[in-house]
C-alpha atoms as a PDB file:
ATOM      1  CA  UNK A   1     -45.438 -62.016 137.156  1.00  0.00           C
ATOM      2  CA  UNK A   2     -44.178 -61.226 140.637  1.00  0.00           C
ATOM      3  CA  UNK A   3     -42.630 -57.840 141.350  1.00  0.00           C
ATOM      4  CA  UNK A   4     -39.266 -59.456 142.113  1.00  0.00           C
ATOM      5  CA  UNK A   5     -39.106 -61.681 139.039  1.00  0.00           C
ATOM      6  CA  UNK A   6     -36.075 -61.091 136.822  1.00  0.00           C
ATOM      7  CA  UNK A   7     -36.849 -59.456 133.503  1.00  0.00           C
ATOM      8  CA  UNK A   8     -35.434 -59.777 129.989  1.00  0.00           C
ATOM      9  CA  UNK A   9     -35.647 -57.380 127.096  1.00  0.00           C
ATOM     10  CA  UNK A  10     -36.625 -58.480 123.612  1.00  0.00           C
ATOM     11  CA  UNK A  11     -36.175 -56.728 120.308  1.00  0.00           C
ATOM     12  CA  UNK A  12     -37.346 -57.339 116.789  1.00  0.00           C
ATOM     13  CA  UNK A  13     -36.585 -56.025 113.349  1.00  0.00           C
ATOM     14  CA  UNK A  14     -39.400 -54.517 111.286  1.00  0.00           C
ATOM     15  CA  UNK A  15     -39.547 -52.817 107.939  1.00  0.00           C
ATOM     16  CA  UNK A  16     -39.327 -49.059 108.470  1.00  0.00           C
ATOM     17  CA  UNK A  17     -42.818 -48.655 107.021  1.00  0.00           C
ATOM     18  CA  UNK A  18     -44.268 -50.959 109.718  1.00  0.00           C
ATOM     19  CA  UNK A  19     -42.253 -49.214 112.441  1.00  0.00           C
ATOM     20  CA  UNK A  20     -43.709 -45.879 111.281  1.00  0.00           C
ATOM     21  CA  UNK A  21     -47.216 -47.340 111.492  1.00  0.00           C
ATOM     22  CA  UNK A  22     -46.528 -48.532 115.046  1.00  0.00           C
ATOM     23  CA  UNK A  23     -45.087 -45.153 115.979  1.00  0.00           C
ATOM     24  CA  UNK A  24     -48.157 -43.369 114.596  1.00  0.00           C
ATOM     25  CA  UNK A  25     -50.570 -45.698 116.414  1.00  0.00           C
ATOM     26  CA  UNK A  26     -48.674 -45.257 119.675  1.00  0.00           C
ATOM     27  CA  UNK A  27     -48.640 -41.470 119.234  1.00  0.00           C
ATOM     28  CA  UNK A  28     -52.383 -41.451 118.575  1.00  0.00           C
ATOM     29  CA  UNK A  29     -52.883 -43.377 121.829  1.00  0.00           C
ATOM     30  CA  UNK A  30     -50.403 -41.133 123.662  1.00  0.00           C
ATOM     31  CA  UNK A  31     -48.157 -44.028 124.723  1.00  0.00           C
ATOM     32  CA  UNK A  32     -44.644 -45.236 123.822  1.00  0.00           C
ATOM     33  CA  UNK A  33     -44.290 -47.925 121.142  1.00  0.00           C
ATOM     34  CA  UNK A  34     -43.033 -50.292 123.837  1.00  0.00           C
ATOM     35  CA  UNK A  35     -46.283 -49.918 125.781  1.00  0.00           C
ATOM     36  CA  UNK A  36     -48.361 -50.442 122.645  1.00  0.00           C
ATOM     37  CA  UNK A  37     -46.506 -53.685 121.900  1.00  0.00           C
ATOM     38  CA  UNK A  38     -46.784 -54.797 125.520  1.00  0.00           C
ATOM     39  CA  UNK A  39     -50.558 -54.280 125.453  1.00  0.00           C
ATOM     40  CA  UNK A  40     -50.884 -56.227 122.223  1.00  0.00           C
ATOM     41  CA  UNK A  41     -48.700 -59.068 123.464  1.00  0.00           C
ATOM     42  CA  UNK A  42     -50.156 -59.384 126.963  1.00  0.00           C
ATOM     43  CA  UNK A  43     -53.198 -61.553 126.061  1.00  0.00           C
ATOM     44  CA  UNK A  44     -50.946 -64.123 124.362  1.00  0.00           C
ATOM     45  CA  UNK A  45     -48.339 -64.009 127.119  1.00  0.00           C
ATOM     46  CA  UNK A  46     -51.090 -64.630 129.670  1.00  0.00           C
ATOM     47  CA  UNK A  47     -52.329 -67.579 127.595  1.00  0.00           C
ATOM     48  CA  UNK A  48     -48.804 -68.999 127.639  1.00  0.00           C
ATOM     49  CA  UNK A  49     -48.572 -68.483 131.392  1.00  0.00           C
ATOM     50  CA  UNK A  50     -51.740 -70.489 131.883  1.00  0.00           C
ATOM     51  CA  UNK A  51     -50.529 -73.478 129.879  1.00  0.00           C
ATOM     52  CA  UNK A  52     -46.791 -73.466 130.598  1.00  0.00           C
ATOM     53  CA  UNK A  53     -44.655 -74.863 133.342  1.00  0.00           C
ATOM     54  CA  UNK A  54     -42.827 -71.908 134.963  1.00  0.00           C
ATOM     55  CA  UNK A  55     -39.227 -71.496 133.827  1.00  0.00           C
ATOM     56  CA  UNK A  56     -39.620 -74.417 131.409  1.00  0.00           C
ATOM     57  CA  UNK A  57     -36.764 -73.257 129.170  1.00  0.00           C
ATOM     58  CA  UNK A  58     -33.314 -73.152 130.775  1.00  0.00           C
ATOM     59  CA  UNK A  59     -31.297 -69.943 130.574  1.00  0.00           C
ATOM     60  CA  UNK A  60     -28.939 -69.850 127.642  1.00  0.00           C
ATOM     61  CA  UNK A  61     -31.283 -71.844 125.397  1.00  0.00           C
ATOM     62  CA  UNK A  62     -31.892 -69.897 122.219  1.00  0.00           C
ATOM     63  CA  UNK A  63     -35.334 -71.372 121.601  1.00  0.00           C
ATOM     64  CA  UNK A  64     -34.624 -71.784 117.903  1.00  0.00           C
END
């Protein structure tokens, strides 16, 4: 991802019990939950980058 590339935020709903587990894991690693999730997601995002055409989905498309 280039430094000037636009960015989008994502969010997801989890059961509170799972959120607490994430929070505890992040605290044990001394990082925010967002960083923990980013680290976990990065290998799959990179895999998608390698196989995808850049900007393949037009803006405004929900993807569902």
